Amino acid sequence: MSQENLLLSPVDWYPFRPASGMGIYELRTYRFLPGKVAEWAKLAQTALPIREKYSAPVGFWQVEVGPLNTVVHLWPYRDGQHRAEVRKAVAADPAWQEVLGRLYPLIPRSEER
């Protein structure tokens, strides 16, 4: 599995206003095994309240044209330190780790940008 992180900031020439003072965004792309997106969606819907204790996503999108079996999420953070704190707290949550144990077998490849 490969992983790439790219943190996004709004450009100063476009009138974008980050919600709630968020200054960076992490775009995550997950490519699932064929036919596993529905299984992921069911798991994500039940598991999202666990993850939202730490931070909430901007949204989720499923790719309709392009690489099939792909889902994209966008996560806001105040800054790099906030992201690191959230990721550390989430990683320490046993309930979230249990979710990941069920999720990882569905994903042969993920990207974080």
C-alpha atoms as a PDB file:
ATOM      1  CA  MET A   1       0.000   0.000   0.000  1.00  0.00           C
ATOM      2  CA  SER A   2       1.300   3.460  -0.812  1.00  0.00           C
ATOM      3  CA  GLN A   3       0.349   6.705   0.820  1.00  0.00           C
ATOM      4  CA  GLU A   4       0.873  10.356  -0.074  1.00  0.00           C
ATOM      5  CA  ASN A   5      -0.146  13.341   2.066  1.00  0.00           C
ATOM      6  CA  LEU A   6      -0.825  16.780   0.623  1.00  0.00           C
ATOM      7  CA  LEU A   7      -2.354  19.365   2.935  1.00  0.00           C
ATOM      8  CA  LEU A   8      -4.379  22.033   1.136  1.00  0.00           C
ATOM      9  CA  SER A   9      -4.748  25.701   2.000  1.00  0.00           C
ATOM     10  CA  PRO A  10      -7.099  28.148   0.297  1.00  0.00           C
ATOM     11  CA  VAL A  11      -5.401  30.391  -2.238  1.00  0.00           C
ATOM     12  CA  ASP A  12      -5.380  34.137  -1.459  1.00  0.00           C
ATOM     13  CA  TRP A  13      -6.829  35.139  -4.869  1.00  0.00           C
ATOM     14  CA  TYR A  14     -10.068  33.145  -4.534  1.00  0.00           C
ATOM     15  CA  PRO A  15     -12.818  34.228  -2.120  1.00  0.00           C
ATOM     16  CA  PHE A  16     -13.007  30.830  -0.378  1.00  0.00           C
ATOM     17  CA  ARG A  17     -13.810  31.070   3.338  1.00  0.00           C
ATOM     18  CA  PRO A  18     -12.891  27.980   5.343  1.00  0.00           C
ATOM     19  CA  ALA A  19     -15.638  26.879   7.707  1.00  0.00           C
ATOM     20  CA  SER A  20     -15.043  27.272  11.444  1.00  0.00           C
ATOM     21  CA  GLY A  21     -11.543  28.693  11.044  1.00  0.00           C
ATOM     22  CA  MET A  22     -10.136  25.602   9.370  1.00  0.00           C
ATOM     23  CA  GLY A  23      -6.957  26.410   7.448  1.00  0.00           C
ATOM     24  CA  ILE A  24      -5.910  23.132   5.817  1.00  0.00           C
ATOM     25  CA  TYR A  25      -7.741  20.239   4.218  1.00  0.00           C
ATOM     26  CA  GLU A  26      -6.711  16.633   3.792  1.00  0.00           C
ATOM     27  CA  LEU A  27      -8.072  14.855   0.736  1.00  0.00           C
ATOM     28  CA  ARG A  28      -8.171  11.092   1.141  1.00  0.00           C
ATOM     29  CA  THR A  29      -8.722   8.713  -1.739  1.00  0.00           C
ATOM     30  CA  TYR A  30      -9.546   5.058  -1.166  1.00  0.00           C
ATOM     31  CA  ARG A  31      -9.617   2.509  -3.971  1.00  0.00           C
ATOM     32  CA  PHE A  32     -11.610  -0.521  -2.920  1.00  0.00           C
ATOM     33  CA  LEU A  33     -11.626  -4.054  -4.161  1.00  0.00           C
ATOM     34  CA  PRO A  34     -14.272  -4.447  -6.897  1.00  0.00           C
ATOM     35  CA  GLY A  35     -17.772  -4.501  -5.460  1.00  0.00           C
ATOM     36  CA  LYS A  36     -16.708  -3.462  -1.932  1.00  0.00           C
ATOM     37  CA  VAL A  37     -17.816   0.203  -1.937  1.00  0.00           C
ATOM     38  CA  ALA A  38     -21.294  -0.721  -0.682  1.00  0.00           C
ATOM     39  CA  GLU A  39     -19.766  -2.706   2.185  1.00  0.00           C
ATOM     40  CA  TRP A  40     -17.553   0.268   3.020  1.00  0.00           C
ATOM     41  CA  ALA A  41     -20.547   2.644   2.934  1.00  0.00           C
ATOM     42  CA  LYS A  42     -22.470   0.515   5.397  1.00  0.00           C
ATOM     43  CA  LEU A  43     -19.464   0.300   7.725  1.00  0.00           C
ATOM     44  CA  ALA A  44     -18.709   4.021   7.380  1.00  0.00           C
ATOM     45  CA  GLN A  45     -22.241   5.051   8.282  1.00  0.00           C
ATOM     46  CA  THR A  46     -22.195   3.057  11.511  1.00  0.00           C
ATOM     47  CA  ALA A  47     -18.586   3.978  12.399  1.00  0.00           C
ATOM     48  CA  LEU A  48     -18.612   7.683  11.573  1.00  0.00           C
ATOM     49  CA  PRO A  49     -19.879   8.771  15.031  1.00  0.00           C
ATOM     50  CA  ILE A  50     -16.731   7.224  16.541  1.00  0.00           C
ATOM     51  CA  ARG A  51     -14.489   9.239  14.207  1.00  0.00           C
ATOM     52  CA  GLU A  52     -16.535  12.424  14.543  1.00  0.00           C
ATOM     53  CA  LYS A  53     -15.668  12.614  18.248  1.00  0.00           C
ATOM     54  CA  TYR A  54     -12.297  13.929  17.041  1.00  0.00           C
ATOM     55  CA  SER A  55     -13.155  15.790  13.824  1.00  0.00           C
ATOM     56  CA  ALA A  56     -15.890  15.736  11.198  1.00  0.00           C
ATOM     57  CA  PRO A  57     -15.362  15.422   7.440  1.00  0.00           C
ATOM     58  CA  VAL A  58     -16.420  18.046   4.930  1.00  0.00           C
ATOM     59  CA  GLY A  59     -17.890  15.274   2.784  1.00  0.00           C
ATOM     60  CA  PHE A  60     -17.571  11.960   1.023  1.00  0.00           C
ATOM     61  CA  TRP A  61     -17.735  11.371  -2.709  1.00  0.00           C
ATOM     62  CA  GLN A  62     -17.855   8.197  -4.748  1.00  0.00           C
ATOM     63  CA  VAL A  63     -16.176   8.248  -8.155  1.00  0.00           C
ATOM     64  CA  GLU A  64     -18.679   7.662 -10.922  1.00  0.00           C
ATOM     65  CA  VAL A  65     -16.382   8.384 -13.888  1.00  0.00           C
ATOM     66  CA  GLY A  66     -12.700   7.562 -13.557  1.00  0.00           C
ATOM     67  CA  PRO A  67     -11.203   4.881 -11.353  1.00  0.00           C
ATOM     68  CA  LEU A  68     -14.182   2.800 -10.289  1.00  0.00           C
ATOM     69  CA  ASN A  69     -14.528   1.497  -6.728  1.00  0.00           C
ATOM     70  CA  THR A  70     -13.045   4.772  -5.439  1.00  0.00           C
ATOM     71  CA  VAL A  71     -14.249   6.997  -2.605  1.00  0.00           C
ATOM     72  CA  VAL A  72     -12.883  10.439  -1.701  1.00  0.00           C
ATOM     73  CA  HIS A  73     -13.148  12.221   1.673  1.00  0.00           C
ATOM     74  CA  LEU A  74     -12.211  15.774   2.609  1.00  0.00           C
ATOM     75  CA  TRP A  75     -11.196  16.529   6.222  1.00  0.00           C
ATOM     76  CA  PRO A  76     -10.675  20.048   7.640  1.00  0.00           C
ATOM     77  CA  TYR A  77      -8.097  20.988  10.283  1.00  0.00           C
ATOM     78  CA  ARG A  78      -7.123  24.318  11.850  1.00  0.00           C
ATOM     79  CA  ASP A  79      -3.452  23.680  11.043  1.00  0.00           C
ATOM     80  CA  GLY A  80      -0.841  20.921  10.870  1.00  0.00           C
ATOM     81  CA  GLN A  81      -0.648  20.657  14.648  1.00  0.00           C
ATOM     82  CA  HIS A  82      -4.417  20.171  14.913  1.00  0.00           C
ATOM     83  CA  ARG A  83      -4.236  17.425  12.294  1.00  0.00           C
ATOM     84  CA  ALA A  84      -1.440  15.663  14.202  1.00  0.00           C
ATOM     85  CA  GLU A  85      -3.371  15.880  17.473  1.00  0.00           C
ATOM     86  CA  VAL A  86      -6.553  14.500  15.911  1.00  0.00           C
ATOM     87  CA  ARG A  87      -4.730  11.657  14.164  1.00  0.00           C
ATOM     88  CA  LYS A  88      -2.935  10.704  17.402  1.00  0.00           C
ATOM     89  CA  ALA A  89      -6.179  10.693  19.402  1.00  0.00           C
ATOM     90  CA  VAL A  90      -8.023   8.661  16.762  1.00  0.00           C
ATOM     91  CA  ALA A  91      -5.191   6.130  16.596  1.00  0.00           C
ATOM     92  CA  ALA A  92      -5.473   5.617  20.365  1.00  0.00           C
ATOM     93  CA  ASP A  93      -9.228   4.919  20.266  1.00  0.00           C
ATOM     94  CA  PRO A  94      -9.854   1.141  20.553  1.00  0.00           C
ATOM     95  CA  ALA A  95     -13.310   1.431  18.964  1.00  0.00           C
ATOM     96  CA  TRP A  96     -11.819   3.141  15.895  1.00  0.00           C
ATOM     97  CA  GLN A  97      -9.054   0.552  15.667  1.00  0.00           C
ATOM     98  CA  GLU A  98     -11.709  -2.171  15.596  1.00  0.00           C
ATOM     99  CA  VAL A  99     -13.399  -0.371  12.680  1.00  0.00           C
ATOM    100  CA  LEU A 100     -10.086  -0.149  10.832  1.00  0.00           C
ATOM    101  CA  GLY A 101      -9.595  -3.883  11.291  1.00  0.00           C
ATOM    102  CA  ARG A 102     -12.796  -4.433   9.308  1.00  0.00           C
ATOM    103  CA  LEU A 103     -12.044  -1.679   6.799  1.00  0.00           C
ATOM    104  CA  TYR A 104      -8.462  -2.451   5.773  1.00  0.00           C
ATOM    105  CA  PRO A 105      -9.251  -5.770   4.044  1.00  0.00           C
ATOM    106  CA  LEU A 106     -11.523  -3.854   1.637  1.00  0.00           C
ATOM    107  CA  ILE A 107      -8.816  -1.381   0.544  1.00  0.00           C
ATOM    108  CA  PRO A 108      -5.825  -2.499  -1.489  1.00  0.00           C
ATOM    109  CA  ARG A 109      -4.751   1.142  -1.998  1.00  0.00           C
ATOM    110  CA  SER A 110      -5.265   4.499  -0.264  1.00  0.00           C
ATOM    111  CA  GLU A 111      -3.910   8.005  -0.758  1.00  0.00           C
ATOM    112  CA  GLU A 112      -3.941  10.961   1.582  1.00  0.00           C
ATOM    113  CA  ARG A 113      -3.305  14.377   0.097  1.00  0.00           C
END
